[in-house]
Amino acid sequence: MALTGSALTGAGPGTPIASADTPLDRFYGQRPEWKSCDDSRLDEAGAHCADITVPLNYAAPQGETITIAISRIQATDPARRHGILLSNPGGPGGAGLDFTVDFGAAMTPDVRARYDLIGIDPRGVGRSSPVHCGWPRGFGLQSAGLDAVDYAESVAVQADLAARCLTDGGERLRYFTTRNTARDLDVIRGVLGEGKASYYGASYGTYLGAVYTQMFPERSDRIVLDSAVDPARYGAVDMVRDMGPANEAALDEWADSAAAKDSEYRLGTTRDQVRATVQDLIRRSAEKPLRVGEFDIDEHTLPMMLFTVLDDPREHDTVSTMVRMFADAADGKPVTPDPGTTKALAYMLKADPEDGAAQMAIMCGDVAVPRDPMFYWRNIEAARATQPVFGAFTNNITPCAFWAPPVEPTTVVRNSVPALIVQSTGDTRTTYGNARGMHRALTESRLVTLQNVAIHWIFGRYPNTCVYSAVNTYLLDGTLPANDLTCHQD
């Protein structure tokens, strides 16, 4: 049964807990039992962890429950403490217990003094009642390949991934959604004894944060959204399609870098030559998969490997090294991938250590998509001329085309909760147009633009004096810039 947002938005009592009993009181009334996180990174940061119980389905709170793992790094000056700052690193499906260590390092001492930083493994992820579907591969998304035969193979793979989740997760999996994760955030707020919650989210975490402001505007305090998703384009179709042109542009920038170092990487002396090398490798991988260590890289996988490393311009040499390795493998030479590439391939191709079912469950459970494979094929073919490397990935069919319909309507975000949005113009994952869409949806927000940089996730990953100052100023005293702000590289 589909539930309207109004039925549940106000269901969670504030702090103190409302006097009238509600079915959710027992969840909001929990008290956390803090303990060691059993994680060296979190332990070194002085964090403690706790498990919070929440309903699987908030419409049936007396039914099955699941556990949400949280971490806390306490404010360094209790006398100046402002409150809690919840967080999410993106994905969807990203584990976030230690995300606080990353963005916390970008905070000034004055800001760190004021917040308990709360890391969270969202429902279905990490230590929070994880969901897995027994996939033979880790990553749900893949490129459609070069022709109709390749595409048919991809359709079959995506249908199989969805079928495995139906078998392993069934009805239960339908409740691992962003709206329910936002409800989990509010339970965490109540459990921690706070009337309001501040929030820092990156990538998909910006969408989660926006949904929280829509469902719980009166509980939303200082909201920072880094590398934003347009709420109107979120999902497995429009949001992913937006990545195509941005990744082709990032590939051009990398190709210029590789061409300037042709004596080292031997991929070509011009952008066009380097691009031709990449496209030839994709073609050759379709004829015979490239043997890279223990892995076989085909036309469905090679573009995905490029996608994983084009979100940071400081990694151009890493991309060049990887493409050189693929070229050597195509020539029949034995190659051994570095540990980072091995880890990425193990996850993508072998579901080692786990599969990405949670990511698909969230996206597919949030937004319904077209179910006709021809819809995707037409988009793939239309994109090939201008997106020769990434168009077959960003327009491809996904498990969502074979998924059960969402249990709730997609959230329409439109509110006046103040928020700070920070974004680079060259972001390859959540494109700059998406940030503008988020800015329109949150009518009292401010947009801080990092000009001419292709970085995804800024605060805590890509030091920039201007951006960091805007974020820290807002978190310190709640002051947004008077107007939208443009920043440049240091």
Protein backbone atom coordinates (compact mmCIF):
# COMPACT_ATOMS: atom_id res chain seq x y z
CA MET A 1 0.00 0.00 0.00
CA ALA A 2 1.46 3.37 -1.03
CA LEU A 3 1.68 5.86 1.80
CA THR A 4 1.49 9.61 1.50
CA GLY A 5 4.20 11.73 3.07
CA SER A 6 1.68 13.57 5.22
CA ALA A 7 0.74 10.36 7.00
CA LEU A 8 4.23 9.87 8.38
CA THR A 9 6.10 13.17 8.21
CA GLY A 10 5.05 14.28 11.65
CA ALA A 11 4.95 10.83 13.20
CA GLY A 12 8.19 11.20 15.11
CA PRO A 13 7.90 13.10 18.38
CA GLY A 14 10.48 15.71 19.16
CA THR A 15 12.57 16.16 22.24
CA PRO A 16 11.27 15.86 24.83
CA ILE A 17 9.06 13.02 23.63
CA ALA A 18 5.44 13.98 23.08
CA SER A 19 3.14 13.13 25.96
CA ALA A 20 0.57 11.40 23.76
CA ASP A 21 1.73 7.88 23.03
CA THR A 22 2.41 7.10 19.39
CA PRO A 23 3.50 3.82 17.79
CA LEU A 24 6.98 5.28 17.29
CA ASP A 25 7.59 6.36 20.89
CA ARG A 26 9.48 3.19 21.71
CA PHE A 27 11.96 3.96 18.95
CA TYR A 28 12.41 7.66 19.74
CA GLY A 29 12.64 6.82 23.44
CA GLN A 30 15.68 4.53 23.14
CA ARG A 31 18.89 5.42 24.91
CA PRO A 32 22.12 4.65 23.07
CA GLU A 33 24.62 2.29 24.64
CA TRP A 34 27.98 3.63 23.49
CA LYS A 35 30.82 1.19 23.00
CA SER A 36 34.06 0.78 21.09
CA CYS A 37 33.62 0.93 17.32
CA ASP A 38 36.16 -1.88 16.84
CA ASP A 39 37.57 0.13 13.95
CA SER A 40 41.10 1.53 14.07
CA ARG A 41 40.23 4.69 12.15
CA LEU A 42 37.26 5.53 14.34
CA ASP A 43 39.02 4.50 17.52
CA GLU A 44 41.93 6.80 16.71
CA ALA A 45 39.47 9.66 16.17
CA GLY A 46 37.96 9.07 19.61
CA ALA A 47 34.64 7.81 18.28
CA HIS A 48 32.20 5.52 20.02
CA CYS A 49 29.46 3.48 18.37
CA ALA A 50 25.91 2.40 19.17
CA ASP A 51 23.09 0.46 17.55
CA ILE A 52 19.65 2.02 17.13
CA THR A 53 16.51 -0.04 16.48
CA VAL A 54 14.04 1.23 13.86
CA PRO A 55 11.01 -0.24 12.09
CA LEU A 56 11.58 -1.93 8.76
CA ASN A 57 8.30 -0.37 7.63
CA TYR A 58 7.27 2.83 9.41
CA ALA A 59 3.66 2.21 8.41
CA ALA A 60 3.78 -0.98 10.49
CA PRO A 61 5.99 -0.05 13.47
CA GLN A 62 4.85 -3.06 15.49
CA GLY A 63 6.29 -5.37 12.85
CA GLU A 64 9.85 -6.31 11.91
CA THR A 65 12.68 -4.11 13.14
CA ILE A 66 16.20 -3.53 11.85
CA THR A 67 19.36 -2.09 13.40
CA ILE A 68 21.10 1.14 12.40
CA ALA A 69 24.77 1.51 13.39
CA ILE A 70 25.93 5.01 14.32
CA SER A 71 29.21 6.54 15.47
CA ARG A 72 29.80 9.69 17.48
CA ILE A 73 32.84 11.95 17.75
CA GLN A 74 31.90 14.38 20.49
CA ALA A 75 32.20 18.16 20.31
CA THR A 76 35.60 19.26 21.57
CA ASP A 77 34.16 22.02 23.79
CA PRO A 78 30.93 21.06 25.58
CA ALA A 79 30.48 24.64 26.76
CA ARG A 80 30.16 25.85 23.16
CA ARG A 81 28.35 22.82 21.81
CA HIS A 82 25.61 23.62 19.27
CA GLY A 83 24.25 20.12 18.68
CA ILE A 84 24.60 17.08 16.45
CA LEU A 85 25.63 16.93 12.81
CA LEU A 86 24.28 13.87 11.00
CA SER A 87 25.99 12.75 7.80
CA ASN A 88 25.88 10.57 4.70
CA PRO A 89 28.73 9.94 2.20
CA GLY A 90 26.58 9.10 -0.83
CA GLY A 91 26.19 6.08 -3.04
CA PRO A 92 23.42 5.38 -2.51
CA GLY A 93 24.59 2.49 -0.43
CA GLY A 94 27.74 4.06 0.97
CA ALA A 95 28.76 3.06 4.49
CA GLY A 96 29.21 6.17 6.61
CA LEU A 97 30.36 5.23 10.10
CA ASP A 98 33.82 6.73 9.50
CA PHE A 99 32.78 9.48 7.05
CA THR A 100 32.96 11.90 9.97
CA VAL A 101 36.73 11.50 10.04
CA ASP A 102 36.95 12.73 6.44
CA PHE A 103 34.83 15.86 6.53
CA GLY A 104 35.68 16.54 10.16
CA ALA A 105 39.29 17.10 9.11
CA ALA A 106 38.15 20.07 6.99
CA MET A 107 36.46 21.80 9.92
CA THR A 108 38.14 24.60 11.81
CA PRO A 109 38.76 24.03 15.53
CA ASP A 110 35.94 26.46 16.35
CA VAL A 111 33.48 24.41 14.32
CA ARG A 112 34.68 21.10 15.73
CA ALA A 113 34.12 22.53 19.19
CA ARG A 114 30.41 22.92 18.47
CA TYR A 115 29.22 19.60 17.04
CA ASP A 116 28.95 15.96 17.87
CA LEU A 117 29.73 14.39 14.48
CA ILE A 118 27.41 11.45 13.80
CA GLY A 119 28.42 8.83 11.26
CA ILE A 120 25.78 6.39 10.05
CA ASP A 121 25.68 3.18 8.08
CA PRO A 122 22.27 3.66 6.41
CA ARG A 123 19.72 0.87 6.49
CA GLY A 124 20.84 -2.08 4.39
CA VAL A 125 24.50 -1.04 4.39
CA GLY A 126 27.61 -2.02 6.35
CA ARG A 127 26.69 -2.78 9.96
CA SER A 128 23.06 -1.70 9.55
CA SER A 129 21.11 -4.87 8.73
CA PRO A 130 22.96 -5.26 5.41
CA VAL A 131 21.12 -6.56 2.37
CA HIS A 132 22.75 -8.79 -0.22
CA CYS A 133 21.18 -10.63 -3.11
CA GLY A 134 23.83 -13.21 -3.93
CA TRP A 135 24.87 -11.34 -7.05
CA PRO A 136 27.70 -12.84 -9.12
CA ARG A 137 29.01 -9.29 -9.62
CA GLY A 138 29.26 -6.44 -7.18
CA PHE A 139 28.20 -3.38 -9.17
CA GLY A 140 24.73 -3.27 -10.64
CA LEU A 141 25.55 -0.72 -13.33
CA GLN A 142 27.46 -1.65 -16.48
CA SER A 143 28.01 -0.42 -20.03
CA ALA A 144 25.68 -1.75 -22.72
CA GLY A 145 28.58 -2.50 -25.05
CA LEU A 146 28.95 -1.84 -28.76
CA ASP A 147 25.92 -3.31 -30.52
CA ALA A 148 22.52 -4.94 -30.16
CA VAL A 149 24.01 -8.30 -29.24
CA ASP A 150 26.01 -6.70 -26.42
CA TYR A 151 22.91 -4.86 -25.26
CA ALA A 152 20.88 -8.06 -25.14
CA GLU A 153 23.56 -9.55 -22.90
CA SER A 154 23.33 -6.52 -20.62
CA VAL A 155 19.53 -6.73 -20.45
CA ALA A 156 19.81 -10.36 -19.38
CA VAL A 157 22.39 -9.51 -16.70
CA GLN A 158 20.27 -6.70 -15.26
CA ALA A 159 17.13 -8.85 -15.24
CA ASP A 160 19.05 -11.58 -13.42
CA LEU A 161 20.28 -9.17 -10.75
CA ALA A 162 16.73 -8.00 -10.09
CA ALA A 163 15.43 -11.58 -10.00
CA ARG A 164 18.07 -12.56 -7.44
CA CYS A 165 16.94 -9.72 -5.19
CA LEU A 166 13.32 -10.80 -5.55
CA THR A 167 14.34 -14.29 -4.47
CA ASP A 168 16.63 -13.25 -1.61
CA GLY A 169 14.98 -10.03 -0.43
CA GLY A 170 11.45 -10.09 -1.76
CA GLU A 171 8.92 -7.77 -0.14
CA ARG A 172 11.33 -6.85 2.65
CA LEU A 173 13.77 -5.17 0.28
CA ARG A 174 11.13 -2.66 -0.82
CA TYR A 175 11.49 -0.77 2.46
CA PHE A 176 15.16 0.10 2.03
CA THR A 177 14.41 3.54 0.61
CA THR A 178 15.52 7.13 1.02
CA ARG A 179 12.27 8.15 2.70
CA ASN A 180 12.70 5.44 5.31
CA THR A 181 16.36 6.39 5.75
CA ALA A 182 15.23 9.98 6.38
CA ARG A 183 12.86 8.64 9.02
CA ASP A 184 15.78 6.73 10.51
CA LEU A 185 17.72 10.00 10.69
CA ASP A 186 14.92 11.56 12.66
CA VAL A 187 14.76 8.65 15.07
CA ILE A 188 18.53 9.05 15.60
CA ARG A 189 17.97 12.75 16.28
CA GLY A 190 15.35 11.93 18.90
CA VAL A 191 17.39 9.14 20.47
CA LEU A 192 20.30 11.56 20.87
CA GLY A 193 18.04 14.01 22.67
CA GLU A 194 18.13 16.83 20.15
CA GLY A 195 15.26 19.04 19.02
CA LYS A 196 16.97 19.72 15.69
CA ALA A 197 19.71 18.13 13.61
CA SER A 198 22.36 19.69 11.41
CA TYR A 199 23.50 17.65 8.45
CA TYR A 200 26.39 17.20 6.02
CA GLY A 201 25.81 15.04 2.95
CA ALA A 202 27.86 14.41 -0.17
CA SER A 203 26.67 13.12 -3.55
CA TYR A 204 23.53 11.00 -3.03
CA GLY A 205 23.76 12.18 0.58
CA THR A 206 22.56 15.57 -0.68
CA TYR A 207 19.35 13.97 -1.92
CA LEU A 208 18.85 12.24 1.42
CA GLY A 209 19.42 15.56 3.17
CA ALA A 210 16.92 17.32 0.92
CA VAL A 211 14.33 14.61 1.53
CA TYR A 212 14.89 15.04 5.27
CA THR A 213 14.25 18.79 4.99
CA GLN A 214 11.04 18.07 3.08
CA MET A 215 9.76 15.48 5.56
CA PHE A 216 11.05 17.12 8.75
CA PRO A 217 11.50 20.85 8.05
CA GLU A 218 10.95 21.80 11.68
CA ARG A 219 13.76 19.44 12.73
CA SER A 220 16.28 20.69 10.14
CA ASP A 221 19.04 22.96 11.42
CA ARG A 222 22.20 23.76 9.42
CA ILE A 223 22.22 21.76 6.19
CA VAL A 224 25.33 21.41 3.98
CA LEU A 225 24.93 19.63 0.64
CA ASP A 226 28.19 18.87 -1.17
CA SER A 227 28.08 17.84 -4.85
CA ALA A 228 24.34 17.87 -5.16
CA VAL A 229 21.70 15.78 -6.89
CA ASP A 230 18.75 17.56 -8.49
CA PRO A 231 15.79 16.02 -6.61
CA ALA A 232 13.71 16.21 -9.80
CA ARG A 233 16.29 14.12 -11.70
CA TYR A 234 17.27 11.66 -9.00
CA GLY A 235 17.00 7.97 -9.89
CA ALA A 236 18.42 5.34 -12.20
CA VAL A 237 17.59 7.19 -15.44
CA ASP A 238 17.91 11.00 -15.55
CA MET A 239 20.58 11.36 -12.87
CA VAL A 240 22.76 8.72 -14.52
CA ARG A 241 22.17 10.08 -18.04
CA ASP A 242 23.45 13.46 -16.85
CA MET A 243 26.82 11.85 -16.14
CA GLY A 244 27.51 11.05 -19.80
CA PRO A 245 28.54 14.46 -21.16
CA ALA A 246 30.38 15.32 -17.93
CA ASN A 247 32.49 12.16 -18.12
CA GLU A 248 33.27 12.69 -21.80
CA ALA A 249 34.51 16.19 -20.89
CA ALA A 250 36.61 14.78 -18.05
CA LEU A 251 37.99 12.17 -20.44
CA ASP A 252 39.08 14.99 -22.75
CA GLU A 253 40.95 16.68 -19.90
CA TRP A 254 42.64 13.42 -18.98
CA ALA A 255 43.50 12.73 -22.64
CA ASP A 256 45.31 16.07 -22.81
CA SER A 257 47.31 15.08 -19.75
CA ALA A 258 48.17 11.66 -21.17
CA ALA A 259 49.15 13.15 -24.53
CA ALA A 260 51.56 15.52 -22.79
CA LYS A 261 53.26 12.47 -21.26
CA ASP A 262 53.24 10.22 -24.31
CA SER A 263 56.87 9.26 -23.78
CA GLU A 264 55.82 7.68 -20.48
CA TYR A 265 52.41 6.19 -21.28
CA ARG A 266 52.53 5.72 -25.10
CA LEU A 267 48.82 6.34 -25.57
CA GLY A 268 49.05 9.07 -28.22
CA THR A 269 50.46 12.55 -28.68
CA THR A 270 47.13 14.38 -29.04
CA ARG A 271 43.74 14.29 -27.36
CA ASP A 272 42.20 12.66 -30.42
CA GLN A 273 44.89 9.98 -30.54
CA VAL A 274 44.47 9.14 -26.87
CA ARG A 275 40.70 8.96 -27.27
CA ALA A 276 41.14 6.70 -30.27
CA THR A 277 43.33 4.42 -28.16
CA VAL A 278 40.61 4.14 -25.52
CA GLN A 279 37.87 3.42 -28.04
CA ASP A 280 40.05 0.84 -29.76
CA LEU A 281 40.64 -0.88 -26.41
CA ILE A 282 36.89 -1.09 -25.83
CA ARG A 283 36.48 -2.63 -29.29
CA ARG A 284 39.30 -5.11 -28.70
CA SER A 285 37.91 -6.06 -25.29
CA ALA A 286 34.65 -6.99 -27.03
CA GLU A 287 36.52 -9.29 -29.40
CA LYS A 288 38.56 -10.86 -26.62
CA PRO A 289 38.37 -9.84 -22.95
CA LEU A 290 41.56 -8.31 -21.59
CA ARG A 291 43.23 -10.50 -18.98
CA VAL A 292 44.24 -8.26 -16.08
CA GLY A 293 45.59 -10.30 -13.21
CA GLU A 294 42.79 -12.75 -12.38
CA PHE A 295 40.11 -10.65 -14.10
CA ASP A 296 38.68 -10.52 -17.61
CA ILE A 297 37.83 -6.98 -18.74
CA ASP A 298 35.24 -6.75 -21.51
CA GLU A 299 33.34 -3.98 -23.28
CA HIS A 300 30.79 -3.84 -20.47
CA THR A 301 33.45 -3.27 -17.80
CA LEU A 302 36.22 -1.17 -19.34
CA PRO A 303 34.18 2.07 -19.52
CA MET A 304 33.09 1.51 -15.93
CA MET A 305 36.70 1.31 -14.78
CA LEU A 306 37.37 4.66 -16.43
CA PHE A 307 34.28 6.11 -14.77
CA THR A 308 35.56 5.11 -11.32
CA VAL A 309 38.72 7.21 -11.65
CA LEU A 310 37.62 10.32 -13.57
CA ASP A 311 36.08 12.14 -10.60
CA ASP A 312 39.33 13.74 -9.44
CA PRO A 313 41.73 15.61 -11.79
CA ARG A 314 44.63 14.90 -9.44
CA GLU A 315 44.37 11.24 -10.48
CA HIS A 316 45.16 11.72 -14.18
CA ASP A 317 48.40 9.77 -13.91
CA THR A 318 46.49 6.92 -12.24
CA VAL A 319 44.10 6.84 -15.20
CA SER A 320 47.02 6.83 -17.63
CA THR A 321 48.71 3.97 -15.81
CA MET A 322 45.49 1.96 -15.86
CA VAL A 323 44.86 2.53 -19.57
CA ARG A 324 48.48 1.62 -20.36
CA MET A 325 47.94 -1.60 -18.42
CA PHE A 326 44.80 -2.33 -20.45
CA ALA A 327 46.72 -1.68 -23.67
CA ASP A 328 49.46 -4.07 -22.64
CA ALA A 329 46.85 -6.70 -21.76
CA ALA A 330 45.23 -6.24 -25.17
CA ASP A 331 48.64 -6.93 -26.73
CA GLY A 332 48.81 -10.21 -24.82
CA LYS A 333 51.34 -9.09 -22.24
CA PRO A 334 50.96 -10.37 -18.67
CA VAL A 335 49.90 -7.53 -16.37
CA THR A 336 49.41 -7.28 -12.63
CA PRO A 337 46.99 -4.60 -11.42
CA ASP A 338 47.91 -2.39 -8.48
CA PRO A 339 46.04 -2.95 -5.20
CA GLY A 340 43.53 -0.17 -5.88
CA THR A 341 42.60 -1.51 -9.31
CA THR A 342 42.45 -5.05 -7.94
CA LYS A 343 40.03 -3.94 -5.22
CA ALA A 344 37.81 -2.13 -7.73
CA LEU A 345 37.73 -5.10 -10.09
CA ALA A 346 37.07 -7.57 -7.26
CA TYR A 347 34.03 -5.58 -6.21
CA MET A 348 32.78 -4.89 -9.72
CA LEU A 349 33.18 -8.38 -11.16
CA LYS A 350 33.17 -10.79 -8.22
CA ALA A 351 31.05 -9.18 -5.50
CA ASP A 352 34.06 -9.37 -3.22
CA PRO A 353 33.63 -8.54 -0.37
CA GLU A 354 29.93 -7.80 -1.02
CA ASP A 355 27.48 -6.89 -3.75
CA GLY A 356 25.84 -3.56 -4.48
CA ALA A 357 22.27 -4.70 -3.96
CA ALA A 358 21.63 -1.97 -1.39
CA GLN A 359 22.40 0.72 -3.97
CA MET A 360 19.90 -0.71 -6.41
CA ALA A 361 17.30 -1.35 -3.72
CA ILE A 362 17.41 2.30 -2.71
CA MET A 363 17.34 3.81 -6.21
CA CYS A 364 14.75 1.36 -7.54
CA GLY A 365 12.64 1.71 -4.42
CA ASP A 366 12.69 5.50 -4.62
CA VAL A 367 11.80 6.16 -8.26
CA ALA A 368 9.96 4.06 -10.85
CA VAL A 369 11.67 3.86 -14.27
CA PRO A 370 10.59 2.83 -17.79
CA ARG A 371 10.39 -0.95 -18.10
CA ASP A 372 10.68 -1.31 -21.89
CA PRO A 373 14.26 -2.28 -22.92
CA MET A 374 13.76 -0.41 -26.19
CA PHE A 375 13.52 2.88 -24.29
CA TYR A 376 17.11 2.45 -23.14
CA TRP A 377 18.35 1.11 -26.47
CA ARG A 378 17.06 4.18 -28.31
CA ASN A 379 18.82 6.46 -25.83
CA ILE A 380 22.06 4.46 -26.13
CA GLU A 381 22.07 4.69 -29.91
CA ALA A 382 21.25 8.40 -29.85
CA ALA A 383 24.15 9.10 -27.47
CA ARG A 384 26.90 7.20 -29.29
CA ALA A 385 27.93 10.03 -31.63
CA THR A 386 28.60 12.56 -28.87
CA GLN A 387 29.35 10.14 -26.01
CA PRO A 388 31.35 7.35 -27.64
CA VAL A 389 32.88 6.04 -24.39
CA PHE A 390 30.24 6.65 -21.74
CA GLY A 391 26.91 6.94 -23.56
CA ALA A 392 26.37 3.17 -23.52
CA PHE A 393 26.84 3.18 -19.74
CA THR A 394 24.90 6.26 -18.70
CA ASN A 395 21.90 5.37 -20.87
CA ASN A 396 21.90 1.64 -20.14
CA ILE A 397 19.13 -0.39 -18.59
CA THR A 398 19.45 -1.21 -14.87
CA PRO A 399 17.85 -3.68 -12.46
CA CYS A 400 15.25 -0.99 -11.72
CA ALA A 401 13.52 -1.83 -15.01
CA PHE A 402 12.70 -5.24 -13.52
CA TRP A 403 12.10 -4.14 -9.91
CA ALA A 404 8.86 -4.10 -7.94
CA PRO A 405 7.12 -0.69 -7.95
CA PRO A 406 8.01 1.74 -5.12
CA VAL A 407 5.86 1.45 -2.00
CA GLU A 408 5.59 5.25 -1.70
CA PRO A 409 5.39 8.13 -4.18
CA THR A 410 8.69 9.80 -5.05
CA THR A 411 9.43 12.75 -2.78
CA VAL A 412 8.88 16.16 -4.35
CA VAL A 413 11.39 18.52 -2.75
CA ARG A 414 10.25 22.12 -2.56
CA ASN A 415 10.80 24.03 0.67
CA SER A 416 12.43 27.06 2.23
CA VAL A 417 14.73 25.33 4.72
CA PRO A 418 18.06 27.24 4.55
CA ALA A 419 20.92 25.18 3.14
CA LEU A 420 24.41 25.62 1.74
CA ILE A 421 25.13 23.82 -1.54
CA VAL A 422 28.74 23.47 -2.73
CA GLN A 423 29.58 22.18 -6.20
CA SER A 424 32.34 22.06 -8.80
CA THR A 425 31.46 22.92 -12.38
CA GLY A 426 33.14 19.79 -13.76
CA ASP A 427 31.68 17.19 -11.38
CA THR A 428 31.40 13.86 -13.24
CA ARG A 429 29.02 12.13 -10.81
CA THR A 430 26.50 14.77 -9.78
CA THR A 431 26.76 17.34 -12.52
CA TYR A 432 26.66 21.10 -12.08
CA GLY A 433 23.19 21.24 -13.58
CA ASN A 434 22.04 19.00 -10.75
CA ALA A 435 23.32 21.51 -8.20
CA ARG A 436 21.32 24.25 -9.87
CA GLY A 437 18.26 22.01 -9.66
CA MET A 438 18.81 21.46 -5.94
CA HIS A 439 19.26 25.22 -5.53
CA ARG A 440 15.87 25.81 -7.17
CA ALA A 441 14.19 23.15 -5.02
CA LEU A 442 15.52 24.62 -1.76
CA THR A 443 14.36 28.17 -2.25
CA GLU A 444 16.34 29.71 0.62
CA SER A 445 19.60 27.94 -0.20
CA ARG A 446 22.88 29.44 -1.37
CA LEU A 447 25.06 27.89 -4.07
CA VAL A 448 28.86 27.99 -3.77
CA THR A 449 30.44 27.15 -7.14
CA LEU A 450 34.02 25.92 -7.51
CA GLN A 451 34.88 27.05 -11.00
CA ASN A 452 36.73 24.97 -13.62
CA VAL A 453 37.45 21.93 -11.46
CA ALA A 454 36.20 18.39 -12.18
CA ILE A 455 36.00 17.17 -8.59
CA HIS A 456 33.23 15.19 -6.94
CA TRP A 457 32.89 15.88 -3.20
CA ILE A 458 34.84 18.95 -2.10
CA PHE A 459 34.74 19.51 1.67
CA GLY A 460 37.20 17.07 3.17
CA ARG A 461 38.52 15.82 -0.18
CA TYR A 462 39.66 18.78 -2.29
CA PRO A 463 41.06 21.62 -0.16
CA ASN A 464 39.89 25.03 -1.32
CA THR A 465 40.13 28.10 0.88
CA CYS A 466 37.01 29.76 -0.50
CA VAL A 467 34.72 26.72 -0.31
CA TYR A 468 36.02 25.59 3.07
CA SER A 469 35.55 29.09 4.49
CA ALA A 470 31.93 29.23 3.32
CA VAL A 471 31.12 25.85 4.85
CA ASN A 472 32.89 26.53 8.14
CA THR A 473 31.33 29.98 8.51
CA TYR A 474 27.85 28.56 8.00
CA LEU A 475 28.40 25.70 10.44
CA LEU A 476 29.94 28.03 13.01
CA ASP A 477 27.12 30.53 13.36
CA GLY A 478 24.44 29.67 10.80
CA THR A 479 25.38 32.52 8.47
CA LEU A 480 24.82 31.79 4.78
CA PRO A 481 26.56 33.93 2.14
CA ALA A 482 24.47 36.99 1.29
CA ASN A 483 24.40 35.81 -2.32
CA ASP A 484 25.53 32.82 -4.33
CA LEU A 485 29.31 32.62 -4.39
CA THR A 486 31.88 31.67 -7.04
CA CYS A 487 35.20 30.20 -5.92
CA HIS A 488 38.38 29.47 -7.87
CA GLN A 489 41.25 27.05 -7.40
CA ASP A 490 43.79 28.02 -4.75
